[in-house]
Protein backbone atom coordinates (compact mmCIF):
# COMPACT_ATOMS: atom_id res chain seq x y z
CA UNK A 1 12.28 8.59 21.43
CA UNK A 2 11.12 11.39 19.78
CA UNK A 3 8.20 13.72 19.39
CA UNK A 4 6.35 14.51 16.30
CA UNK A 5 4.06 17.32 15.59
CA UNK A 6 1.44 16.97 12.80
CA UNK A 7 -0.99 19.23 11.42
CA UNK A 8 -4.52 18.25 12.09
CA UNK A 9 -5.80 18.70 8.32
CA UNK A 10 -3.01 16.88 6.85
CA UNK A 11 -3.51 13.79 9.15
CA UNK A 12 -4.20 10.95 5.40
CA UNK A 13 -2.01 7.84 5.88
CA UNK A 14 0.00 8.86 2.96
CA UNK A 15 1.17 11.84 5.00
CA UNK A 16 1.54 10.62 7.82
CA UNK A 17 3.42 7.88 6.50
CA UNK A 18 5.63 9.75 4.49
CA UNK A 19 6.91 12.30 8.17
CA UNK A 20 7.08 8.35 9.75
CA UNK A 21 9.36 7.85 6.53
CA UNK A 22 11.58 10.84 6.98
CA UNK A 23 12.13 9.97 11.07
CA UNK A 24 12.88 6.68 10.14
CA UNK A 25 16.07 7.58 8.26
CA UNK A 26 17.10 10.28 10.81
CA UNK A 27 17.48 7.21 13.12
CA UNK A 28 18.68 5.43 10.59
CA UNK A 29 21.63 7.71 10.24
CA UNK A 30 21.99 7.81 13.84
CA UNK A 31 22.50 4.22 14.41
CA UNK A 32 24.48 4.17 11.13
CA UNK A 33 22.10 1.65 9.48
CA UNK A 34 21.97 2.46 6.00
CA UNK A 35 21.11 0.24 2.80
CA UNK A 36 21.20 -0.34 -0.49
CA UNK A 37 19.72 -2.78 -3.00
CA UNK A 38 22.29 -5.13 -1.54
CA UNK A 39 21.95 -5.03 2.12
CA UNK A 40 18.31 -6.92 2.18
CA UNK A 41 18.76 -7.03 5.97
CA UNK A 42 18.88 -3.48 6.99
CA UNK A 43 15.83 -2.46 4.21
CA UNK A 44 14.16 -5.24 6.53
CA UNK A 45 15.39 -2.96 10.03
CA UNK A 46 14.28 0.05 8.39
CA UNK A 47 10.94 -1.24 6.96
CA UNK A 48 9.85 -3.21 10.35
CA UNK A 49 10.72 -0.06 11.84
CA UNK A 50 8.63 2.25 10.10
CA UNK A 51 5.35 -0.76 11.01
CA UNK A 52 6.51 -0.33 14.33
CA UNK A 53 6.15 3.73 13.98
CA UNK A 54 2.85 3.86 12.15
CA UNK A 55 1.54 0.76 14.50
CA UNK A 56 2.00 3.56 17.51
CA UNK A 57 0.41 6.22 15.70
CA UNK A 58 -2.52 4.49 15.17
CA UNK A 59 -3.15 3.30 18.54
CA UNK A 60 -2.64 7.18 19.65
CA UNK A 61 -4.55 8.42 16.97
CA UNK A 62 -6.99 6.19 17.66
CA UNK A 63 -7.27 6.96 21.77
CA UNK A 64 -7.13 10.69 21.16
CA UNK A 65 -10.24 10.23 18.88
CA UNK A 66 -8.32 11.81 15.71
CA UNK A 67 -9.73 9.26 13.22
CA UNK A 68 -13.51 7.21 12.95
CA UNK A 69 -13.05 3.46 12.32
CA UNK A 70 -15.03 0.51 9.82
CA UNK A 71 -14.33 -2.70 9.02
CA UNK A 72 -15.69 -3.53 6.00
CA UNK A 73 -16.08 -6.19 3.74
CA UNK A 74 -13.37 -9.23 4.07
CA UNK A 75 -12.04 -7.63 7.43
CA UNK A 76 -10.57 -4.56 5.20
CA UNK A 77 -10.48 -1.25 7.87
CA UNK A 78 -11.19 2.22 6.14
CA UNK A 79 -10.72 5.41 8.34
CA UNK A 80 -11.66 8.85 7.57
CA UNK A 81 -10.22 12.11 10.38
CA UNK A 82 -12.24 13.55 12.25
CA UNK A 83 -13.23 16.80 12.23
CA UNK A 84 -11.99 19.44 14.95
């Protein structure tokens, strides 16, 4: 388990996912899980890891009140970062 430090001005999903992906690559390196186009099992491990980290991040950010969520038509969820 590790800690990520993020700047409140940069909590958009693109930036957060970018930073989480760096964390997953570090994890993969430590665990010696690497992939190329011929190793779909390793690719799946990495994709699931990114998904799990993103789920945990969104849960924690929601608990901290960092985002405002809205459910739109077709159950699409939109959010915006709350201003400090």
